[in-house]
């Protein structure tokens, strides 16, 4: 009896294309939702222009190596969520995360806003980054956003009524903020 053929496995490039299409759709939908709320932002993947722009930021709370993070996550996680929020040609913020493989949440590991007081999305960067993350998570069938190991100084902001996260401090592992979507 002949062997039953196995279905072809998706290639890395097919996986990249699938998740890129989901991210792009999340950017478009989030951009429309934000515009209704009066927040105008250009949302796109983290590209060379974003990596160059973040290098020019001064007064950062944490000097995350965005070049290395973005490269490593592109290599290892085709399903990653990455976003850069721009307005008027100014990079306003970045976020990088990925969906949990077996749990119903999208984890966001690195989030950073342009610290310049003239940031055109000042006070709205988190909303501009979390809305496409929410849209992407929903497209993947996830029910929760998690901010992994948040900086203690910004936890009250994340847990404010405007953003709606709650702080979780598990017995094992580091703290995180979560919000149902």
N, C-alpha and C. Protein backbone atom coordinates (compact mmCIF):
# COMPACT_ATOMS: atom_id res chain seq x y z
N UNK A 1 0.84 -1.17 0.00
CA UNK A 1 0.00 0.00 0.00
C UNK A 1 0.89 1.24 0.00
N UNK A 2 0.64 2.19 -0.91
CA UNK A 2 1.50 3.38 -0.98
C UNK A 2 1.31 4.27 0.25
N UNK A 3 2.38 4.95 0.60
CA UNK A 3 2.34 5.86 1.75
C UNK A 3 1.42 7.03 1.44
N UNK A 4 0.73 7.47 2.46
CA UNK A 4 -0.14 8.64 2.33
C UNK A 4 0.73 9.89 2.32
N UNK A 5 0.59 10.71 1.29
CA UNK A 5 1.43 11.93 1.28
C UNK A 5 1.03 12.88 2.40
N UNK A 6 2.01 13.50 2.97
CA UNK A 6 1.76 14.51 4.00
C UNK A 6 1.49 15.85 3.32
N UNK A 7 0.62 16.65 3.91
CA UNK A 7 0.39 17.97 3.31
C UNK A 7 1.68 18.78 3.38
N UNK A 8 1.91 19.63 2.42
CA UNK A 8 3.15 20.43 2.45
C UNK A 8 3.17 21.36 3.65
N UNK A 9 4.33 21.51 4.23
CA UNK A 9 4.51 22.43 5.36
C UNK A 9 4.69 23.84 4.82
N UNK A 10 4.10 24.81 5.49
CA UNK A 10 4.28 26.19 5.01
C UNK A 10 5.75 26.59 5.12
N UNK A 11 6.19 27.34 4.15
CA UNK A 11 7.57 27.81 4.17
C UNK A 11 7.69 29.03 5.07
N UNK A 12 8.90 29.35 5.42
CA UNK A 12 9.16 30.54 6.24
C UNK A 12 8.65 31.79 5.52
N UNK A 13 8.90 31.86 4.21
CA UNK A 13 8.47 33.05 3.47
C UNK A 13 6.94 33.13 3.41
N UNK A 14 6.26 31.99 3.34
CA UNK A 14 4.79 32.00 3.35
C UNK A 14 4.28 32.46 4.71
N UNK A 15 4.93 32.00 5.78
CA UNK A 15 4.53 32.43 7.12
C UNK A 15 4.76 33.94 7.28
N UNK A 16 5.91 34.42 6.84
CA UNK A 16 6.21 35.86 6.92
C UNK A 16 5.15 36.66 6.17
N UNK A 17 4.80 36.20 4.97
CA UNK A 17 3.81 36.92 4.16
C UNK A 17 2.45 36.92 4.84
N UNK A 18 2.06 35.78 5.42
CA UNK A 18 0.77 35.70 6.10
C UNK A 18 0.70 36.67 7.27
N UNK A 19 1.72 36.65 8.12
CA UNK A 19 1.68 37.53 9.30
C UNK A 19 1.88 39.00 8.94
N UNK A 20 2.67 39.28 7.91
CA UNK A 20 2.83 40.67 7.45
C UNK A 20 1.47 41.20 6.97
N UNK A 21 0.72 40.37 6.24
CA UNK A 21 -0.60 40.80 5.78
C UNK A 21 -1.54 41.07 6.96
N UNK A 22 -1.47 40.24 8.00
CA UNK A 22 -2.30 40.48 9.19
C UNK A 22 -1.88 41.76 9.90
N UNK A 23 -0.56 42.01 10.02
CA UNK A 23 -0.10 43.25 10.65
C UNK A 23 -0.55 44.46 9.85
N UNK A 24 -0.39 44.38 8.51
CA UNK A 24 -0.78 45.52 7.67
C UNK A 24 -2.28 45.80 7.79
N UNK A 25 -3.08 44.75 7.83
CA UNK A 25 -4.53 44.94 8.00
C UNK A 25 -4.82 45.56 9.37
N UNK A 26 -4.08 45.13 10.39
CA UNK A 26 -4.25 45.70 11.73
C UNK A 26 -3.87 47.18 11.73
N UNK A 27 -2.81 47.54 11.01
CA UNK A 27 -2.40 48.95 10.93
C UNK A 27 -3.50 49.79 10.28
N UNK A 28 -4.06 49.29 9.19
CA UNK A 28 -5.11 50.05 8.48
C UNK A 28 -6.35 50.23 9.35
N UNK A 29 -6.81 49.14 9.96
CA UNK A 29 -8.02 49.21 10.80
C UNK A 29 -7.78 50.10 12.02
N UNK A 30 -6.62 49.95 12.64
CA UNK A 30 -6.31 50.76 13.82
C UNK A 30 -6.20 52.24 13.44
N UNK A 31 -5.59 52.52 12.30
CA UNK A 31 -5.46 53.91 11.85
C UNK A 31 -6.83 54.56 11.67
N UNK A 32 -7.77 53.80 11.11
CA UNK A 32 -9.13 54.33 10.94
C UNK A 32 -9.80 54.55 12.30
N UNK A 33 -9.65 53.59 13.22
CA UNK A 33 -10.25 53.73 14.55
C UNK A 33 -9.65 54.92 15.29
N UNK A 34 -8.35 55.07 15.22
CA UNK A 34 -7.69 56.17 15.90
C UNK A 34 -8.12 57.52 15.32
N UNK A 35 -8.25 57.59 13.99
CA UNK A 35 -8.66 58.84 13.35
C UNK A 35 -10.04 59.27 13.84
N UNK A 36 -10.95 58.31 14.03
CA UNK A 36 -12.28 58.62 14.55
C UNK A 36 -12.16 59.24 15.95
N UNK A 37 -11.16 58.78 16.72
CA UNK A 37 -10.94 59.31 18.06
C UNK A 37 -10.10 60.59 18.04
N UNK A 38 -9.76 61.08 16.86
CA UNK A 38 -8.99 62.32 16.74
C UNK A 38 -7.49 62.14 16.85
N UNK A 39 -7.01 60.91 16.76
CA UNK A 39 -5.57 60.63 16.83
C UNK A 39 -5.10 60.24 15.43
N UNK A 40 -4.29 61.07 14.83
CA UNK A 40 -3.81 60.81 13.49
C UNK A 40 -2.38 60.27 13.59
N UNK A 41 -2.19 59.04 13.11
CA UNK A 41 -0.88 58.41 13.16
C UNK A 41 -0.70 57.54 11.94
N UNK A 42 0.51 57.49 11.44
CA UNK A 42 0.87 56.53 10.39
C UNK A 42 1.47 55.33 11.10
N UNK A 43 0.86 54.17 10.91
CA UNK A 43 1.29 52.94 11.57
C UNK A 43 1.91 52.02 10.54
N UNK A 44 3.10 51.52 10.85
CA UNK A 44 3.75 50.58 9.93
C UNK A 44 4.75 49.74 10.70
N UNK A 45 5.32 48.76 10.01
CA UNK A 45 6.33 47.91 10.63
C UNK A 45 7.58 48.73 10.95
N UNK A 46 8.39 48.20 11.84
CA UNK A 46 9.65 48.84 12.18
C UNK A 46 10.59 48.65 10.99
N UNK A 47 10.98 49.75 10.37
CA UNK A 47 11.84 49.68 9.19
C UNK A 47 13.15 50.42 9.46
N UNK A 48 13.99 50.51 8.43
CA UNK A 48 15.29 51.17 8.59
C UNK A 48 15.13 52.62 9.02
N UNK A 49 14.12 53.31 8.50
CA UNK A 49 13.90 54.71 8.88
C UNK A 49 13.58 54.83 10.37
N UNK A 50 12.77 53.89 10.89
CA UNK A 50 12.44 53.92 12.32
C UNK A 50 13.68 53.63 13.16
N UNK A 51 14.47 52.66 12.74
CA UNK A 51 15.68 52.32 13.50
C UNK A 51 16.68 53.47 13.49
N UNK A 52 16.78 54.18 12.38
CA UNK A 52 17.65 55.36 12.33
C UNK A 52 17.11 56.46 13.24
N UNK A 53 15.79 56.67 13.20
CA UNK A 53 15.19 57.75 13.98
C UNK A 53 15.32 57.50 15.48
N UNK A 54 15.11 56.27 15.94
CA UNK A 54 15.20 56.00 17.38
C UNK A 54 16.63 56.23 17.87
N UNK A 55 17.60 56.05 17.02
CA UNK A 55 18.99 56.32 17.39
C UNK A 55 19.26 57.78 17.70
N UNK A 56 18.40 58.67 17.22
CA UNK A 56 18.56 60.09 17.47
C UNK A 56 17.79 60.60 18.67
N UNK A 57 17.06 59.73 19.34
CA UNK A 57 16.32 60.16 20.52
C UNK A 57 17.26 60.41 21.68
N UNK A 58 17.06 61.50 22.41
CA UNK A 58 17.84 61.74 23.62
C UNK A 58 16.88 61.80 24.81
N UNK A 59 17.40 61.49 25.98
CA UNK A 59 16.59 61.51 27.18
C UNK A 59 15.74 60.26 27.35
N UNK A 60 16.17 59.15 26.74
CA UNK A 60 15.40 57.90 26.83
C UNK A 60 15.50 57.32 28.23
N UNK A 61 14.40 56.70 28.72
CA UNK A 61 14.40 56.05 30.04
C UNK A 61 15.27 54.80 30.02
N UNK A 62 15.20 54.06 28.92
CA UNK A 62 15.96 52.83 28.76
C UNK A 62 16.55 52.84 27.36
N UNK A 63 17.80 52.46 27.23
CA UNK A 63 18.45 52.46 25.93
C UNK A 63 18.34 51.07 25.29
N UNK A 64 17.10 50.70 24.91
CA UNK A 64 16.91 49.39 24.29
C UNK A 64 17.58 49.36 22.94
N UNK A 65 18.24 48.26 22.60
CA UNK A 65 18.93 48.13 21.31
C UNK A 65 17.96 47.72 20.21
N UNK A 66 17.17 48.66 19.72
CA UNK A 66 16.13 48.34 18.75
C UNK A 66 16.66 47.65 17.50
N UNK A 67 17.85 48.04 17.02
CA UNK A 67 18.41 47.38 15.83
C UNK A 67 18.54 45.88 16.08
N UNK A 68 19.13 45.53 17.22
CA UNK A 68 19.35 44.11 17.54
C UNK A 68 18.03 43.40 17.83
N UNK A 69 17.14 44.03 18.57
CA UNK A 69 15.85 43.42 18.89
C UNK A 69 15.06 43.11 17.62
N UNK A 70 14.93 44.10 16.76
CA UNK A 70 14.15 43.92 15.53
C UNK A 70 14.76 42.82 14.67
N UNK A 71 16.08 42.81 14.52
CA UNK A 71 16.73 41.78 13.69
C UNK A 71 16.52 40.39 14.28
N UNK A 72 16.70 40.25 15.58
CA UNK A 72 16.54 38.93 16.21
C UNK A 72 15.10 38.45 16.11
N UNK A 73 14.15 39.33 16.32
CA UNK A 73 12.75 38.91 16.28
C UNK A 73 12.32 38.60 14.85
N UNK A 74 12.86 39.29 13.88
CA UNK A 74 12.54 38.96 12.48
C UNK A 74 13.09 37.59 12.12
N UNK A 75 14.26 37.29 12.63
CA UNK A 75 14.88 35.98 12.37
C UNK A 75 14.10 34.84 13.01
N UNK A 76 13.61 35.06 14.22
CA UNK A 76 13.07 33.97 15.02
C UNK A 76 11.55 33.90 15.14
N UNK A 77 10.84 34.96 14.80
CA UNK A 77 9.40 35.00 15.05
C UNK A 77 8.63 35.58 13.86
N UNK A 78 8.25 34.76 12.90
CA UNK A 78 7.49 35.31 11.78
C UNK A 78 6.14 35.87 12.22
N UNK A 79 5.62 35.39 13.36
CA UNK A 79 4.32 35.85 13.86
C UNK A 79 4.43 37.07 14.77
N UNK A 80 5.60 37.65 14.87
CA UNK A 80 5.83 38.79 15.78
C UNK A 80 4.86 39.93 15.48
N UNK A 81 4.64 40.75 16.51
CA UNK A 81 3.95 42.02 16.28
C UNK A 81 5.00 43.11 16.44
N UNK A 82 5.12 43.93 15.44
CA UNK A 82 6.02 45.07 15.48
C UNK A 82 5.29 46.26 14.89
N UNK A 83 5.49 47.40 15.49
CA UNK A 83 4.85 48.61 14.96
C UNK A 83 5.68 49.83 15.29
N UNK A 84 5.65 50.75 14.35
CA UNK A 84 6.22 52.08 14.52
C UNK A 84 5.10 53.07 14.27
N UNK A 85 4.94 54.02 15.17
CA UNK A 85 3.92 55.07 15.01
C UNK A 85 4.62 56.36 14.62
N UNK A 86 4.19 56.93 13.51
CA UNK A 86 4.75 58.17 12.98
C UNK A 86 3.66 59.23 12.87
N UNK A 87 4.09 60.47 12.96
CA UNK A 87 3.19 61.59 12.64
C UNK A 87 4.03 62.76 12.17
N UNK A 88 3.63 63.34 11.08
CA UNK A 88 4.33 64.50 10.52
C UNK A 88 5.81 64.22 10.31
N UNK A 89 6.16 63.01 9.89
CA UNK A 89 7.54 62.64 9.63
C UNK A 89 8.38 62.39 10.88
N UNK A 90 7.75 62.35 12.04
CA UNK A 90 8.45 62.13 13.31
C UNK A 90 8.09 60.74 13.84
N UNK A 91 9.11 59.96 14.19
CA UNK A 91 8.86 58.67 14.82
C UNK A 91 8.42 58.95 16.26
N UNK A 92 7.22 58.50 16.59
CA UNK A 92 6.64 58.81 17.90
C UNK A 92 6.76 57.65 18.88
N UNK A 93 6.83 56.41 18.39
CA UNK A 93 6.93 55.28 19.30
C UNK A 93 7.11 53.97 18.56
N UNK A 94 7.60 52.98 19.30
CA UNK A 94 7.84 51.64 18.78
C UNK A 94 7.32 50.60 19.76
N UNK A 95 6.95 49.43 19.24
CA UNK A 95 6.55 48.31 20.08
C UNK A 95 6.95 47.01 19.38
N UNK A 96 7.29 46.01 20.19
CA UNK A 96 7.67 44.71 19.65
C UNK A 96 7.19 43.62 20.60
N UNK A 97 6.55 42.61 20.05
CA UNK A 97 6.06 41.49 20.86
C UNK A 97 5.70 40.32 19.98
N UNK A 98 5.01 39.35 20.58
CA UNK A 98 4.58 38.18 19.80
C UNK A 98 3.44 37.48 20.52
N UNK A 99 2.67 36.72 19.75
CA UNK A 99 1.58 35.97 20.38
C UNK A 99 2.14 34.78 21.15
N UNK A 100 1.51 34.47 22.26
CA UNK A 100 1.87 33.27 23.01
C UNK A 100 1.48 32.06 22.16
N UNK A 101 2.35 31.06 22.06
CA UNK A 101 2.03 29.93 21.17
C UNK A 101 0.83 29.10 21.62
N UNK A 102 0.63 28.95 22.93
CA UNK A 102 -0.45 28.08 23.39
C UNK A 102 -1.43 28.78 24.33
N UNK A 103 -1.24 30.04 24.58
CA UNK A 103 -2.13 30.78 25.49
C UNK A 103 -2.85 31.88 24.70
N UNK A 104 -3.97 32.35 25.22
CA UNK A 104 -4.79 33.31 24.47
C UNK A 104 -4.38 34.78 24.64
N UNK A 105 -3.09 35.07 24.54
CA UNK A 105 -2.69 36.47 24.66
C UNK A 105 -1.56 36.83 23.69
N UNK A 106 -1.47 38.12 23.42
CA UNK A 106 -0.36 38.70 22.67
C UNK A 106 0.50 39.42 23.69
N UNK A 107 1.76 39.05 23.76
CA UNK A 107 2.70 39.67 24.70
C UNK A 107 3.48 40.77 24.02
N UNK A 108 3.54 41.93 24.65
CA UNK A 108 4.34 43.05 24.17
C UNK A 108 5.52 43.21 25.12
N UNK A 109 6.72 43.06 24.60
CA UNK A 109 7.93 43.04 25.44
C UNK A 109 8.63 44.39 25.49
N UNK A 110 8.65 45.11 24.39
CA UNK A 110 9.35 46.39 24.35
C UNK A 110 8.42 47.44 23.78
N UNK A 111 8.27 48.53 24.53
CA UNK A 111 7.44 49.65 24.12
C UNK A 111 8.24 50.91 24.48
N UNK A 112 8.32 51.81 23.53
CA UNK A 112 9.06 53.03 23.83
C UNK A 112 8.45 54.20 23.06
N UNK A 113 8.27 55.29 23.76
CA UNK A 113 7.79 56.53 23.15
C UNK A 113 8.95 57.48 22.96
N UNK A 114 8.89 58.25 21.92
CA UNK A 114 9.88 59.30 21.68
C UNK A 114 9.79 60.27 22.86
N UNK A 115 10.89 60.45 23.62
CA UNK A 115 10.83 61.30 24.82
C UNK A 115 10.81 62.79 24.56
N UNK A 116 10.97 63.20 23.32
CA UNK A 116 10.99 64.62 23.00
C UNK A 116 9.65 65.26 23.36
N UNK A 117 9.66 66.35 24.14
CA UNK A 117 8.39 67.02 24.50
C UNK A 117 7.58 67.47 23.27
N UNK A 118 8.25 67.61 22.13
CA UNK A 118 7.55 68.02 20.90
C UNK A 118 7.01 66.81 20.12
N UNK A 119 7.05 65.62 20.70
CA UNK A 119 6.51 64.42 20.05
C UNK A 119 5.07 64.72 19.62
N UNK A 120 4.75 64.63 18.33
CA UNK A 120 3.40 64.99 17.87
C UNK A 120 2.29 64.09 18.41
N UNK A 121 2.63 62.91 18.91
CA UNK A 121 1.63 62.02 19.51
C UNK A 121 1.76 61.97 21.03
N UNK A 122 2.46 62.92 21.59
CA UNK A 122 2.65 62.94 23.05
C UNK A 122 1.32 62.70 23.75
N UNK A 123 1.32 61.84 24.73
CA UNK A 123 0.14 61.43 25.51
C UNK A 123 -0.78 60.45 24.75
N UNK A 124 -0.49 60.21 23.47
CA UNK A 124 -1.30 59.27 22.69
C UNK A 124 -0.48 58.15 22.06
N UNK A 125 0.81 58.09 22.36
CA UNK A 125 1.66 57.06 21.76
C UNK A 125 1.18 55.67 22.15
N UNK A 126 0.88 55.46 23.43
CA UNK A 126 0.44 54.13 23.87
C UNK A 126 -0.83 53.71 23.14
N UNK A 127 -1.79 54.60 23.03
CA UNK A 127 -3.02 54.27 22.30
C UNK A 127 -2.71 53.94 20.84
N UNK A 128 -1.82 54.72 20.23
CA UNK A 128 -1.47 54.51 18.83
C UNK A 128 -0.77 53.17 18.62
N UNK A 129 -0.06 52.67 19.61
CA UNK A 129 0.62 51.38 19.49
C UNK A 129 -0.24 50.21 19.95
N UNK A 130 -1.06 50.43 20.97
CA UNK A 130 -1.87 49.33 21.49
C UNK A 130 -3.06 48.99 20.60
N UNK A 131 -3.58 49.95 19.86
CA UNK A 131 -4.74 49.66 19.00
C UNK A 131 -4.37 48.69 17.87
N UNK A 132 -3.27 48.88 17.15
CA UNK A 132 -2.94 47.86 16.15
C UNK A 132 -2.56 46.52 16.79
N UNK A 133 -1.97 46.55 17.97
CA UNK A 133 -1.67 45.30 18.67
C UNK A 133 -2.97 44.57 19.00
N UNK A 134 -3.96 45.30 19.44
CA UNK A 134 -5.27 44.71 19.75
C UNK A 134 -5.89 44.10 18.49
N UNK A 135 -5.83 44.84 17.40
CA UNK A 135 -6.38 44.35 16.12
C UNK A 135 -5.65 43.08 15.66
N UNK A 136 -4.34 43.07 15.79
CA UNK A 136 -3.54 41.91 15.39
C UNK A 136 -3.88 40.71 16.28
N UNK A 137 -3.97 40.95 17.58
CA UNK A 137 -4.31 39.87 18.51
C UNK A 137 -5.67 39.27 18.18
N UNK A 138 -6.64 40.10 17.90
CA UNK A 138 -7.97 39.61 17.54
C UNK A 138 -7.91 38.77 16.26
N UNK A 139 -7.13 39.21 15.29
CA UNK A 139 -7.00 38.46 14.03
C UNK A 139 -6.40 37.07 14.28
N UNK A 140 -5.59 36.95 15.33
CA UNK A 140 -4.97 35.67 15.67
C UNK A 140 -5.81 34.85 16.65
N UNK A 141 -6.98 35.38 17.04
CA UNK A 141 -7.84 34.67 17.97
C UNK A 141 -7.43 34.81 19.43
N UNK A 142 -6.66 35.83 19.74
CA UNK A 142 -6.23 36.07 21.12
C UNK A 142 -7.27 36.94 21.83
N UNK A 143 -7.32 36.83 23.15
CA UNK A 143 -8.33 37.54 23.93
C UNK A 143 -7.75 38.55 24.91
N UNK A 144 -6.41 38.69 24.92
CA UNK A 144 -5.79 39.54 25.94
C UNK A 144 -4.48 40.12 25.40
N UNK A 145 -4.19 41.35 25.81
CA UNK A 145 -2.87 41.95 25.59
C UNK A 145 -2.12 41.89 26.91
N UNK A 146 -0.83 41.60 26.84
CA UNK A 146 0.01 41.62 28.03
C UNK A 146 1.24 42.47 27.76
N UNK A 147 1.58 43.29 28.73
CA UNK A 147 2.79 44.10 28.70
C UNK A 147 3.76 43.41 29.66
N UNK A 148 4.78 42.80 29.12
CA UNK A 148 5.68 41.96 29.90
C UNK A 148 6.76 42.80 30.58
N UNK A 149 6.93 42.58 31.88
CA UNK A 149 7.96 43.23 32.68
C UNK A 149 7.98 44.75 32.46
N UNK A 150 6.86 45.42 32.70
CA UNK A 150 6.81 46.87 32.44
C UNK A 150 7.71 47.65 33.40
N UNK A 151 8.19 48.77 32.93
CA UNK A 151 8.97 49.64 33.79
C UNK A 151 8.07 50.12 34.93
N UNK A 152 8.51 50.00 36.18
CA UNK A 152 7.65 50.40 37.31
C UNK A 152 7.12 51.82 37.20
N UNK A 153 7.91 52.73 36.66
CA UNK A 153 7.48 54.13 36.57
C UNK A 153 6.27 54.33 35.66
N UNK A 154 6.04 53.43 34.71
CA UNK A 154 4.92 53.62 33.78
C UNK A 154 3.73 52.70 34.08
N UNK A 155 3.85 51.83 35.07
CA UNK A 155 2.73 50.95 35.43
C UNK A 155 1.47 51.75 35.77
N UNK A 156 1.55 52.82 36.57
CA UNK A 156 0.32 53.59 36.85
C UNK A 156 -0.34 54.14 35.58
N UNK A 157 0.47 54.52 34.60
CA UNK A 157 -0.07 55.01 33.33
C UNK A 157 -0.79 53.88 32.59
N UNK A 158 -0.15 52.71 32.50
CA UNK A 158 -0.78 51.57 31.83
C UNK A 158 -2.07 51.14 32.54
N UNK A 159 -2.09 51.27 33.85
CA UNK A 159 -3.25 50.83 34.64
C UNK A 159 -4.28 51.95 34.82
N UNK A 160 -4.10 53.06 34.16
CA UNK A 160 -5.07 54.17 34.24
C UNK A 160 -6.34 53.78 33.48
N UNK A 161 -7.45 54.45 33.79
CA UNK A 161 -8.70 54.16 33.06
C UNK A 161 -8.58 54.35 31.55
N UNK A 162 -7.71 55.25 31.11
CA UNK A 162 -7.57 55.50 29.68
C UNK A 162 -7.04 54.28 28.93
N UNK A 163 -6.15 53.50 29.58
CA UNK A 163 -5.57 52.33 28.91
C UNK A 163 -6.16 51.02 29.40
N UNK A 164 -6.60 50.98 30.66
CA UNK A 164 -7.36 49.85 31.16
C UNK A 164 -6.62 48.57 31.46
N UNK A 165 -5.32 48.61 31.67
CA UNK A 165 -4.57 47.42 32.05
C UNK A 165 -4.64 47.22 33.56
N UNK A 166 -4.37 46.01 34.01
CA UNK A 166 -4.22 45.74 35.44
C UNK A 166 -2.87 45.06 35.65
N UNK A 167 -2.24 45.36 36.77
CA UNK A 167 -0.94 44.77 37.10
C UNK A 167 -1.15 43.39 37.71
N UNK A 168 -0.37 42.43 37.21
CA UNK A 168 -0.38 41.07 37.73
C UNK A 168 1.02 40.76 38.22
N UNK A 169 1.13 40.29 39.47
CA UNK A 169 2.43 39.90 40.03
C UNK A 169 2.36 38.43 40.43
N UNK A 170 2.66 37.54 39.50
CA UNK A 170 2.55 36.11 39.80
C UNK A 170 3.62 35.65 40.79
N UNK A 171 3.36 34.54 41.45
CA UNK A 171 4.32 33.98 42.40
C UNK A 171 5.61 33.59 41.68
N UNK A 172 5.47 33.10 40.47
CA UNK A 172 6.65 32.75 39.65
C UNK A 172 6.66 33.64 38.42
N UNK A 173 7.84 34.08 38.04
CA UNK A 173 7.96 34.95 36.88
C UNK A 173 7.82 36.41 37.25
N UNK A 174 8.05 37.24 36.26
CA UNK A 174 8.02 38.68 36.48
C UNK A 174 6.62 39.26 36.36
N UNK A 175 6.47 40.51 36.78
CA UNK A 175 5.16 41.17 36.70
C UNK A 175 4.80 41.47 35.24
N UNK A 176 3.51 41.62 35.01
CA UNK A 176 3.03 42.05 33.71
C UNK A 176 1.70 42.77 33.89
N UNK A 177 1.35 43.54 32.89
CA UNK A 177 0.05 44.19 32.88
C UNK A 177 -0.79 43.49 31.84
N UNK A 178 -2.07 43.33 32.12
CA UNK A 178 -2.95 42.65 31.16
C UNK A 178 -4.23 43.44 30.97
N UNK A 179 -4.80 43.23 29.79
CA UNK A 179 -6.07 43.84 29.46
C UNK A 179 -6.81 42.92 28.49
N UNK A 180 -8.05 42.63 28.82
CA UNK A 180 -8.89 41.84 27.91
C UNK A 180 -9.21 42.67 26.68
N UNK A 181 -9.33 42.01 25.56
CA UNK A 181 -9.67 42.71 24.32
C UNK A 181 -10.95 42.14 23.78
